[in-house]
Amino acid sequence: MPLAPNINTPIAPHVDIDVDISLLEHELARFAEATDRDLAAVLRQQAGLLGEDMMRATPPVGKFTGAKESWSAQRKIGRAAVGRDIDRMAGSFNELEMMSGTGRLATRMRKLVRRGDTNAIASILRASKVHPSASSWHILPADIESVHKLVRNTRGRVPQSADRNKRWLKARDKARLKRQAQARVFNLKAGWAGPVRRLGRNVPAMISRVLGTTTQGRLVDRADAPRDPHVDLINVVSYARQQIRQSLVSTVIRNRRGKVERQMAVAIDRQARRASRRLT
């Protein structure tokens, strides 16, 4: 059963997957008959399963092989990637060699950090030789979240080049930034949660926990339409279009198609056996 994707390019970026039955109307009708269900119910069921498949395959994931990793494994992958991003864009003062020891510079740096004198700290860092690009380093402002958003690329990742304009902050502030960013690693997956729940499927607890911090997506249910029945699963997370590639969607739909075809074969075989028993 091909579930054909329709990824639009609206003004507000989102990913819109249209589950279209037009190419398999005959097969779906057979499937509905074999399972003693109407066509709209079958379409809604397969749309819900597709939403679950997309939730599993949406980043963070490891090597994509049908997205068979556990949710905890995927969260670990995402948290590790975000941790590397934060380390690339920001350092804490205690990571600097000039903060260690009993020398005059180390003593002065520790006093400045305790005092919060960011201008003096920045001046010392830019004049130092601790790194080839130290002259362009900055002291991270209090609004560190906005800086993280600023340095991320269109795919939501911090590029390698961010190291050349590294930001520096207190260790506890960097740890807080990392915790906040790591807590959001399932936000993009949660963009499918709304449609999945409305279609009667369960949302994993790890994703349910982040639903208050992200947009849950939309469902357009036209399964009962007399012409062109379909169900739209729409992920409206702002960076969905950059992270959820067409090739990923196509792979998920191809896998779902194979599963439905196997389910249909089993259902038809079961129906044939029942008919055979009635005749004997």
C-alpha atoms as a PDB file:
ATOM      1  CA  MET A   1       0.000   0.000   0.000  1.00  0.00           C
ATOM      2  CA  PRO A   2       1.803   3.163  -1.093  1.00  0.00           C
ATOM      3  CA  LEU A   3       1.072   6.018   1.263  1.00  0.00           C
ATOM      4  CA  ALA A   4       2.004   8.915  -0.977  1.00  0.00           C
ATOM      5  CA  PRO A   5       3.756  11.889   0.653  1.00  0.00           C
ATOM      6  CA  ASN A   6       2.817  15.425  -0.186  1.00  0.00           C
ATOM      7  CA  ILE A   7       5.357  17.824   1.301  1.00  0.00           C
ATOM      8  CA  ASN A   8       4.205  21.372   0.676  1.00  0.00           C
ATOM      9  CA  THR A   9       6.186  24.605   0.755  1.00  0.00           C
ATOM     10  CA  PRO A  10       3.878  27.040   2.593  1.00  0.00           C
ATOM     11  CA  ILE A  11       4.798  30.443   3.975  1.00  0.00           C
ATOM     12  CA  ALA A  12       5.255  28.924   7.442  1.00  0.00           C
ATOM     13  CA  PRO A  13       7.601  25.960   7.022  1.00  0.00           C
ATOM     14  CA  HIS A  14       6.144  22.616   7.966  1.00  0.00           C
ATOM     15  CA  VAL A  15       6.054  19.046   6.770  1.00  0.00           C
ATOM     16  CA  ASP A  16       2.710  17.847   5.462  1.00  0.00           C
ATOM     17  CA  ILE A  17       2.323  14.143   4.729  1.00  0.00           C
ATOM     18  CA  ASP A  18      -0.785  13.276   2.757  1.00  0.00           C
ATOM     19  CA  VAL A  19      -1.909   9.663   3.083  1.00  0.00           C
ATOM     20  CA  ASP A  20      -3.527   9.163  -0.298  1.00  0.00           C
ATOM     21  CA  ILE A  21      -5.451   5.996  -1.191  1.00  0.00           C
ATOM     22  CA  SER A  22      -6.118   6.789  -4.852  1.00  0.00           C
ATOM     23  CA  LEU A  23      -3.392   4.478  -6.200  1.00  0.00           C
ATOM     24  CA  LEU A  24      -4.496   1.509  -4.077  1.00  0.00           C
ATOM     25  CA  GLU A  25      -8.234   1.914  -3.834  1.00  0.00           C
ATOM     26  CA  HIS A  26      -8.868  -1.644  -5.053  1.00  0.00           C
ATOM     27  CA  GLU A  27      -6.329  -3.195  -2.652  1.00  0.00           C
ATOM     28  CA  LEU A  28      -7.606  -1.150   0.301  1.00  0.00           C
ATOM     29  CA  ALA A  29     -11.165  -2.186  -0.486  1.00  0.00           C
ATOM     30  CA  ARG A  30     -10.057  -5.836  -0.402  1.00  0.00           C
ATOM     31  CA  PHE A  31      -8.205  -5.213   2.844  1.00  0.00           C
ATOM     32  CA  ALA A  32     -11.263  -3.529   4.391  1.00  0.00           C
ATOM     33  CA  GLU A  33     -13.457  -6.423   3.299  1.00  0.00           C
ATOM     34  CA  ALA A  34     -11.031  -9.043   4.620  1.00  0.00           C
ATOM     35  CA  THR A  35     -10.902  -7.330   8.025  1.00  0.00           C
ATOM     36  CA  ASP A  36     -14.634  -6.499   8.005  1.00  0.00           C
ATOM     37  CA  ARG A  37     -14.023  -2.761   8.308  1.00  0.00           C
ATOM     38  CA  ASP A  38     -14.996   0.223   6.210  1.00  0.00           C
ATOM     39  CA  LEU A  39     -12.504   1.974   3.986  1.00  0.00           C
ATOM     40  CA  ALA A  40     -12.323   5.176   6.073  1.00  0.00           C
ATOM     41  CA  ALA A  41     -11.454   3.176   9.202  1.00  0.00           C
ATOM     42  CA  VAL A  42      -8.650   1.395   7.365  1.00  0.00           C
ATOM     43  CA  LEU A  43      -7.283   4.699   6.091  1.00  0.00           C
ATOM     44  CA  ARG A  44      -7.321   6.245   9.576  1.00  0.00           C
ATOM     45  CA  GLN A  45      -5.623   3.198  11.033  1.00  0.00           C
ATOM     46  CA  GLN A  46      -2.825   3.284   8.471  1.00  0.00           C
ATOM     47  CA  ALA A  47      -2.426   7.049   8.870  1.00  0.00           C
ATOM     48  CA  GLY A  48      -1.985   6.579  12.628  1.00  0.00           C
ATOM     49  CA  LEU A  49       0.586   3.840  12.089  1.00  0.00           C
ATOM     50  CA  LEU A  50       2.393   6.037   9.581  1.00  0.00           C
ATOM     51  CA  GLY A  51       2.476   8.823  12.173  1.00  0.00           C
ATOM     52  CA  GLU A  52       4.091   6.419  14.639  1.00  0.00           C
ATOM     53  CA  ASP A  53       6.604   5.398  11.971  1.00  0.00           C
ATOM     54  CA  MET A  54       7.442   9.058  11.268  1.00  0.00           C
ATOM     55  CA  MET A  55       7.832   9.784  14.973  1.00  0.00           C
ATOM     56  CA  ARG A  56      10.323   6.927  15.233  1.00  0.00           C
ATOM     57  CA  ALA A  57      12.258   7.943  12.085  1.00  0.00           C
ATOM     58  CA  THR A  58      12.368  11.693  12.757  1.00  0.00           C
ATOM     59  CA  PRO A  59      15.709  12.914  14.190  1.00  0.00           C
ATOM     60  CA  PRO A  60      17.381  12.204  16.486  1.00  0.00           C
ATOM     61  CA  VAL A  61      18.103   8.730  15.153  1.00  0.00           C
ATOM     62  CA  GLY A  62      21.179   6.609  14.643  1.00  0.00           C
ATOM     63  CA  LYS A  63      21.903   4.960  11.336  1.00  0.00           C
ATOM     64  CA  PHE A  64      18.517   4.773   9.650  1.00  0.00           C
ATOM     65  CA  THR A  65      17.569   1.118   9.131  1.00  0.00           C
ATOM     66  CA  GLY A  66      13.835   1.346   9.528  1.00  0.00           C
ATOM     67  CA  ALA A  67      14.291   3.313  12.768  1.00  0.00           C
ATOM     68  CA  LYS A  68      14.524   0.274  15.034  1.00  0.00           C
ATOM     69  CA  GLU A  69      16.367   1.977  17.889  1.00  0.00           C
ATOM     70  CA  SER A  70      14.612   2.210  21.237  1.00  0.00           C
ATOM     71  CA  TRP A  71      13.332   5.618  22.357  1.00  0.00           C
ATOM     72  CA  SER A  72      15.963   5.714  25.097  1.00  0.00           C
ATOM     73  CA  ALA A  73      18.714   4.971  22.558  1.00  0.00           C
ATOM     74  CA  GLN A  74      17.450   7.763  20.302  1.00  0.00           C
ATOM     75  CA  ARG A  75      17.313  10.192  23.207  1.00  0.00           C
ATOM     76  CA  LYS A  76      20.897   9.269  24.113  1.00  0.00           C
ATOM     77  CA  ILE A  77      21.970   9.898  20.491  1.00  0.00           C
ATOM     78  CA  GLY A  78      20.228  13.283  20.476  1.00  0.00           C
ATOM     79  CA  ARG A  79      21.587  14.372  23.839  1.00  0.00           C
ATOM     80  CA  ALA A  80      25.133  13.457  22.791  1.00  0.00           C
ATOM     81  CA  ALA A  81      24.800  15.458  19.545  1.00  0.00           C
ATOM     82  CA  VAL A  82      23.455  18.498  21.381  1.00  0.00           C
ATOM     83  CA  GLY A  83      26.240  18.205  23.965  1.00  0.00           C
ATOM     84  CA  ARG A  84      28.830  18.309  21.185  1.00  0.00           C
ATOM     85  CA  ASP A  85      27.109  21.350  19.684  1.00  0.00           C
ATOM     86  CA  ILE A  86      27.208  23.237  22.975  1.00  0.00           C
ATOM     87  CA  ASP A  87      30.886  22.342  23.510  1.00  0.00           C
ATOM     88  CA  ARG A  88      31.625  23.626  20.005  1.00  0.00           C
ATOM     89  CA  MET A  89      30.014  27.013  20.526  1.00  0.00           C
ATOM     90  CA  ALA A  90      30.703  27.606  24.212  1.00  0.00           C
ATOM     91  CA  GLY A  91      33.392  26.939  26.772  1.00  0.00           C
ATOM     92  CA  SER A  92      33.452  27.415  30.517  1.00  0.00           C
ATOM     93  CA  PHE A  93      36.211  29.407  32.152  1.00  0.00           C
ATOM     94  CA  ASN A  94      37.413  26.465  34.202  1.00  0.00           C
ATOM     95  CA  GLU A  95      38.305  24.670  30.948  1.00  0.00           C
ATOM     96  CA  LEU A  96      41.038  27.250  30.295  1.00  0.00           C
ATOM     97  CA  GLU A  97      44.572  26.437  31.347  1.00  0.00           C
ATOM     98  CA  MET A  98      45.017  30.061  32.414  1.00  0.00           C
ATOM     99  CA  MET A  99      42.490  29.414  35.197  1.00  0.00           C
ATOM    100  CA  SER A 100      44.617  26.713  36.802  1.00  0.00           C
ATOM    101  CA  GLY A 101      47.657  27.061  38.992  1.00  0.00           C
ATOM    102  CA  THR A 102      48.766  29.749  41.420  1.00  0.00           C
ATOM    103  CA  GLY A 103      50.229  32.254  38.971  1.00  0.00           C
ATOM    104  CA  ARG A 104      49.271  35.893  38.823  1.00  0.00           C
ATOM    105  CA  LEU A 105      47.102  35.511  35.701  1.00  0.00           C
ATOM    106  CA  ALA A 106      45.216  32.504  37.077  1.00  0.00           C
ATOM    107  CA  THR A 107      44.582  34.288  40.354  1.00  0.00           C
ATOM    108  CA  ARG A 108      43.355  37.394  38.535  1.00  0.00           C
ATOM    109  CA  MET A 109      41.093  35.382  36.195  1.00  0.00           C
ATOM    110  CA  ARG A 110      39.452  33.563  39.078  1.00  0.00           C
ATOM    111  CA  LYS A 111      38.764  36.872  40.826  1.00  0.00           C
ATOM    112  CA  LEU A 112      37.288  38.370  37.658  1.00  0.00           C
ATOM    113  CA  VAL A 113      35.057  35.343  37.126  1.00  0.00           C
ATOM    114  CA  ARG A 114      33.786  35.517  40.702  1.00  0.00           C
ATOM    115  CA  ARG A 115      33.198  39.235  40.312  1.00  0.00           C
ATOM    116  CA  GLY A 116      31.490  38.787  36.932  1.00  0.00           C
ATOM    117  CA  ASP A 117      33.688  41.401  35.248  1.00  0.00           C
ATOM    118  CA  THR A 118      33.040  40.224  31.692  1.00  0.00           C
ATOM    119  CA  ASN A 119      34.747  43.166  30.019  1.00  0.00           C
ATOM    120  CA  ALA A 120      38.058  42.476  31.775  1.00  0.00           C
ATOM    121  CA  ILE A 121      37.770  38.732  31.117  1.00  0.00           C
ATOM    122  CA  ALA A 122      37.075  39.362  27.427  1.00  0.00           C
ATOM    123  CA  SER A 123      40.064  41.667  27.166  1.00  0.00           C
ATOM    124  CA  ILE A 124      42.379  39.036  28.666  1.00  0.00           C
ATOM    125  CA  LEU A 125      41.049  36.257  26.446  1.00  0.00           C
ATOM    126  CA  ARG A 126      41.394  38.280  23.252  1.00  0.00           C
ATOM    127  CA  ALA A 127      44.957  39.267  24.115  1.00  0.00           C
ATOM    128  CA  SER A 128      45.949  35.724  25.066  1.00  0.00           C
ATOM    129  CA  LYS A 129      47.604  33.062  22.922  1.00  0.00           C
ATOM    130  CA  VAL A 130      45.567  30.139  24.308  1.00  0.00           C
ATOM    131  CA  HIS A 131      43.895  29.529  20.932  1.00  0.00           C
ATOM    132  CA  PRO A 132      44.537  30.683  17.323  1.00  0.00           C
ATOM    133  CA  SER A 133      41.138  32.386  17.193  1.00  0.00           C
ATOM    134  CA  ALA A 134      41.117  33.718  20.768  1.00  0.00           C
ATOM    135  CA  SER A 135      41.067  37.278  19.448  1.00  0.00           C
ATOM    136  CA  SER A 136      37.485  36.722  18.237  1.00  0.00           C
ATOM    137  CA  TRP A 137      36.205  34.986  21.366  1.00  0.00           C
ATOM    138  CA  HIS A 138      33.340  36.527  23.331  1.00  0.00           C
ATOM    139  CA  ILE A 139      31.983  36.395  26.834  1.00  0.00           C
ATOM    140  CA  LEU A 140      28.508  34.922  26.600  1.00  0.00           C
ATOM    141  CA  PRO A 141      25.753  37.315  27.703  1.00  0.00           C
ATOM    142  CA  ALA A 142      23.113  36.403  30.233  1.00  0.00           C
ATOM    143  CA  ASP A 143      20.658  35.514  27.439  1.00  0.00           C
ATOM    144  CA  ILE A 144      22.631  32.450  26.371  1.00  0.00           C
ATOM    145  CA  GLU A 145      19.600  30.783  24.786  1.00  0.00           C
ATOM    146  CA  SER A 146      19.384  33.486  22.104  1.00  0.00           C
ATOM    147  CA  VAL A 147      23.064  33.009  21.257  1.00  0.00           C
ATOM    148  CA  HIS A 148      22.542  29.261  20.834  1.00  0.00           C
ATOM    149  CA  LYS A 149      19.691  29.937  18.405  1.00  0.00           C
ATOM    150  CA  LEU A 150      21.807  32.489  16.560  1.00  0.00           C
ATOM    151  CA  VAL A 151      24.743  30.183  15.846  1.00  0.00           C
ATOM    152  CA  ARG A 152      22.694  27.159  14.742  1.00  0.00           C
ATOM    153  CA  ASN A 153      22.387  26.453  11.019  1.00  0.00           C
ATOM    154  CA  THR A 154      19.184  25.713   9.087  1.00  0.00           C
ATOM    155  CA  ARG A 155      19.300  22.087  10.245  1.00  0.00           C
ATOM    156  CA  GLY A 156      19.357  23.169  13.880  1.00  0.00           C
ATOM    157  CA  ARG A 157      22.993  22.165  14.438  1.00  0.00           C
ATOM    158  CA  VAL A 158      25.993  24.219  15.516  1.00  0.00           C
ATOM    159  CA  PRO A 159      28.598  24.145  12.699  1.00  0.00           C
ATOM    160  CA  GLN A 160      32.289  23.437  13.208  1.00  0.00           C
ATOM    161  CA  SER A 161      33.053  27.060  12.341  1.00  0.00           C
ATOM    162  CA  ALA A 162      31.404  28.188  15.597  1.00  0.00           C
ATOM    163  CA  ASP A 163      34.636  27.263  17.371  1.00  0.00           C
ATOM    164  CA  ARG A 164      36.296  30.286  15.731  1.00  0.00           C
ATOM    165  CA  ASN A 165      33.886  32.622  17.536  1.00  0.00           C
ATOM    166  CA  LYS A 166      33.662  30.671  20.748  1.00  0.00           C
ATOM    167  CA  ARG A 167      31.655  32.058  23.622  1.00  0.00           C
ATOM    168  CA  TRP A 168      32.811  31.720  27.214  1.00  0.00           C
ATOM    169  CA  LEU A 169      30.755  31.581  30.378  1.00  0.00           C
ATOM    170  CA  LYS A 170      30.677  30.243  33.888  1.00  0.00           C
ATOM    171  CA  ALA A 171      30.652  26.460  34.254  1.00  0.00           C
ATOM    172  CA  ARG A 172      27.207  26.416  35.862  1.00  0.00           C
ATOM    173  CA  ASP A 173      25.765  28.567  33.068  1.00  0.00           C
ATOM    174  CA  LYS A 174      27.179  26.266  30.400  1.00  0.00           C
ATOM    175  CA  ALA A 175      25.809  23.232  32.226  1.00  0.00           C
ATOM    176  CA  ARG A 176      22.402  24.919  32.390  1.00  0.00           C
ATOM    177  CA  LEU A 177      22.484  25.724  28.665  1.00  0.00           C
ATOM    178  CA  LYS A 178      23.374  22.114  27.878  1.00  0.00           C
ATOM    179  CA  ARG A 179      20.585  20.751  30.088  1.00  0.00           C
ATOM    180  CA  GLN A 180      18.007  23.043  28.509  1.00  0.00           C
ATOM    181  CA  ALA A 181      19.059  22.149  24.974  1.00  0.00           C
ATOM    182  CA  GLN A 182      19.213  18.412  25.716  1.00  0.00           C
ATOM    183  CA  ALA A 183      15.719  18.511  27.196  1.00  0.00           C
ATOM    184  CA  ARG A 184      14.393  19.532  23.758  1.00  0.00           C
ATOM    185  CA  VAL A 185      15.917  16.717  21.689  1.00  0.00           C
ATOM    186  CA  PHE A 186      12.504  15.064  21.144  1.00  0.00           C
ATOM    187  CA  ASN A 187      10.672  18.279  20.205  1.00  0.00           C
ATOM    188  CA  LEU A 188      10.754  17.491  16.487  1.00  0.00           C
ATOM    189  CA  LYS A 189       9.431  13.967  17.077  1.00  0.00           C
ATOM    190  CA  ALA A 190       6.679  15.464  19.237  1.00  0.00           C
ATOM    191  CA  GLY A 191       5.556  17.448  16.195  1.00  0.00           C
ATOM    192  CA  TRP A 192       3.744  14.252  15.099  1.00  0.00           C
ATOM    193  CA  ALA A 193       2.150  13.592  18.510  1.00  0.00           C
ATOM    194  CA  GLY A 194      -1.064  15.547  17.958  1.00  0.00           C
ATOM    195  CA  PRO A 195      -2.157  13.686  14.792  1.00  0.00           C
ATOM    196  CA  VAL A 196      -1.009  10.344  16.210  1.00  0.00           C
ATOM    197  CA  ARG A 197      -3.082  10.761  19.370  1.00  0.00           C
ATOM    198  CA  ARG A 198      -6.167  11.932  17.502  1.00  0.00           C
ATOM    199  CA  LEU A 199      -5.938   8.827  15.363  1.00  0.00           C
ATOM    200  CA  GLY A 200      -6.072   6.658  18.480  1.00  0.00           C
ATOM    201  CA  ARG A 201      -2.414   5.681  18.725  1.00  0.00           C
ATOM    202  CA  ASN A 202      -0.233   5.911  21.807  1.00  0.00           C
ATOM    203  CA  VAL A 203       2.533   8.487  22.214  1.00  0.00           C
ATOM    204  CA  PRO A 204       5.618   7.252  24.133  1.00  0.00           C
ATOM    205  CA  ALA A 205       6.135   8.731  27.582  1.00  0.00           C
ATOM    206  CA  MET A 206       9.511  10.230  26.597  1.00  0.00           C
ATOM    207  CA  ILE A 207       7.752  12.275  23.907  1.00  0.00           C
ATOM    208  CA  SER A 208       4.708  13.110  26.027  1.00  0.00           C
ATOM    209  CA  ARG A 209       7.021  14.786  28.537  1.00  0.00           C
ATOM    210  CA  VAL A 210       8.083  17.457  26.021  1.00  0.00           C
ATOM    211  CA  LEU A 211       4.636  18.239  24.587  1.00  0.00           C
ATOM    212  CA  GLY A 212       4.339  21.379  26.666  1.00  0.00           C
ATOM    213  CA  THR A 213       7.444  22.899  25.039  1.00  0.00           C
ATOM    214  CA  THR A 214       6.722  22.293  21.360  1.00  0.00           C
ATOM    215  CA  THR A 215       3.993  22.397  18.731  1.00  0.00           C
ATOM    216  CA  GLN A 216       2.208  19.081  18.485  1.00  0.00           C
ATOM    217  CA  GLY A 217       1.210  19.169  14.826  1.00  0.00           C
ATOM    218  CA  ARG A 218      -2.152  19.078  13.073  1.00  0.00           C
ATOM    219  CA  LEU A 219      -4.456  16.458  11.611  1.00  0.00           C
ATOM    220  CA  VAL A 220      -6.736  16.988   8.624  1.00  0.00           C
ATOM    221  CA  ASP A 221      -9.102  14.004   8.449  1.00  0.00           C
ATOM    222  CA  ARG A 222     -10.956  13.637   5.150  1.00  0.00           C
ATOM    223  CA  ALA A 223     -11.155   9.859   5.223  1.00  0.00           C
ATOM    224  CA  ASP A 224     -14.952  10.001   4.743  1.00  0.00           C
ATOM    225  CA  ALA A 225     -14.801  12.297   1.707  1.00  0.00           C
ATOM    226  CA  PRO A 226     -16.703  10.799  -1.257  1.00  0.00           C
ATOM    227  CA  ARG A 227     -13.964  11.968  -3.621  1.00  0.00           C
ATOM    228  CA  ASP A 228     -10.238  11.862  -2.926  1.00  0.00           C
ATOM    229  CA  PRO A 229     -10.419  10.548   0.666  1.00  0.00           C
ATOM    230  CA  HIS A 230      -7.196  11.231   2.557  1.00  0.00           C
ATOM    231  CA  VAL A 231      -5.664  12.082   5.920  1.00  0.00           C
ATOM    232  CA  ASP A 232      -3.037  14.814   6.382  1.00  0.00           C
ATOM    233  CA  LEU A 233      -0.424  14.509   9.136  1.00  0.00           C
ATOM    234  CA  ILE A 234       1.223  17.916   9.555  1.00  0.00           C
ATOM    235  CA  ASN A 235       4.384  18.611  11.560  1.00  0.00           C
ATOM    236  CA  VAL A 236       4.546  22.372  12.159  1.00  0.00           C
ATOM    237  CA  VAL A 237       7.743  22.563  14.229  1.00  0.00           C
ATOM    238  CA  SER A 238       9.623  25.535  12.767  1.00  0.00           C
ATOM    239  CA  TYR A 239      12.695  23.561  11.631  1.00  0.00           C
ATOM    240  CA  ALA A 240      10.834  20.432  10.468  1.00  0.00           C
ATOM    241  CA  ARG A 241      11.429  21.092   6.785  1.00  0.00           C
ATOM    242  CA  GLN A 242      15.211  21.292   7.257  1.00  0.00           C
ATOM    243  CA  GLN A 243      15.474  18.145   9.394  1.00  0.00           C
ATOM    244  CA  ILE A 244      12.856  15.836   7.848  1.00  0.00           C
ATOM    245  CA  ARG A 245      14.142  15.099   4.365  1.00  0.00           C
ATOM    246  CA  GLN A 246      12.052  13.876   1.458  1.00  0.00           C
ATOM    247  CA  SER A 247      14.205  10.736   1.245  1.00  0.00           C
ATOM    248  CA  LEU A 248      13.406   9.905   4.889  1.00  0.00           C
ATOM    249  CA  VAL A 249       9.672  10.333   4.302  1.00  0.00           C
ATOM    250  CA  SER A 250       9.831   8.170   1.174  1.00  0.00           C
ATOM    251  CA  THR A 251      11.668   5.416   3.065  1.00  0.00           C
ATOM    252  CA  VAL A 252       9.132   5.442   5.912  1.00  0.00           C
ATOM    253  CA  ILE A 253       6.228   5.264   3.483  1.00  0.00           C
ATOM    254  CA  ARG A 254       7.852   2.462   1.505  1.00  0.00           C
ATOM    255  CA  ASN A 255       8.310   0.463   4.711  1.00  0.00           C
ATOM    256  CA  ARG A 256       4.705   1.108   5.752  1.00  0.00           C
ATOM    257  CA  ARG A 257       3.540   0.026   2.300  1.00  0.00           C
ATOM    258  CA  GLY A 258       5.308  -3.310   2.695  1.00  0.00           C
ATOM    259  CA  LYS A 259       3.775  -3.861   6.134  1.00  0.00           C
ATOM    260  CA  VAL A 260       0.257  -3.169   4.863  1.00  0.00           C
ATOM    261  CA  GLU A 261       0.670  -5.459   1.899  1.00  0.00           C
ATOM    262  CA  ARG A 262       1.768  -8.237   4.255  1.00  0.00           C
ATOM    263  CA  GLN A 263      -1.162  -7.533   6.583  1.00  0.00           C
ATOM    264  CA  MET A 264      -3.533  -7.643   3.625  1.00  0.00           C
ATOM    265  CA  ALA A 265      -2.115 -10.977   2.462  1.00  0.00           C
ATOM    266  CA  VAL A 266      -2.588 -12.459   5.938  1.00  0.00           C
ATOM    267  CA  ALA A 267      -6.152 -11.109   6.183  1.00  0.00           C
ATOM    268  CA  ILE A 268      -7.116 -12.446   2.752  1.00  0.00           C
ATOM    269  CA  ASP A 269      -5.587 -15.823   3.563  1.00  0.00           C
ATOM    270  CA  ARG A 270      -7.534 -15.951   6.842  1.00  0.00           C
ATOM    271  CA  GLN A 271     -10.726 -15.065   4.979  1.00  0.00           C
ATOM    272  CA  ALA A 272     -10.076 -17.824   2.431  1.00  0.00           C
ATOM    273  CA  ARG A 273      -9.574 -20.401   5.198  1.00  0.00           C
ATOM    274  CA  ARG A 274     -12.842 -19.417   6.845  1.00  0.00           C
ATOM    275  CA  ALA A 275     -14.645 -19.756   3.537  1.00  0.00           C
ATOM    276  CA  SER A 276     -13.041 -23.166   3.018  1.00  0.00           C
ATOM    277  CA  ARG A 277     -14.179 -24.352   6.469  1.00  0.00           C
ATOM    278  CA  ARG A 278     -17.742 -23.259   5.715  1.00  0.00           C
ATOM    279  CA  LEU A 279     -17.741 -25.357   2.548  1.00  0.00           C
ATOM    280  CA  THR A 280     -16.478 -28.529   4.263  1.00  0.00           C
END
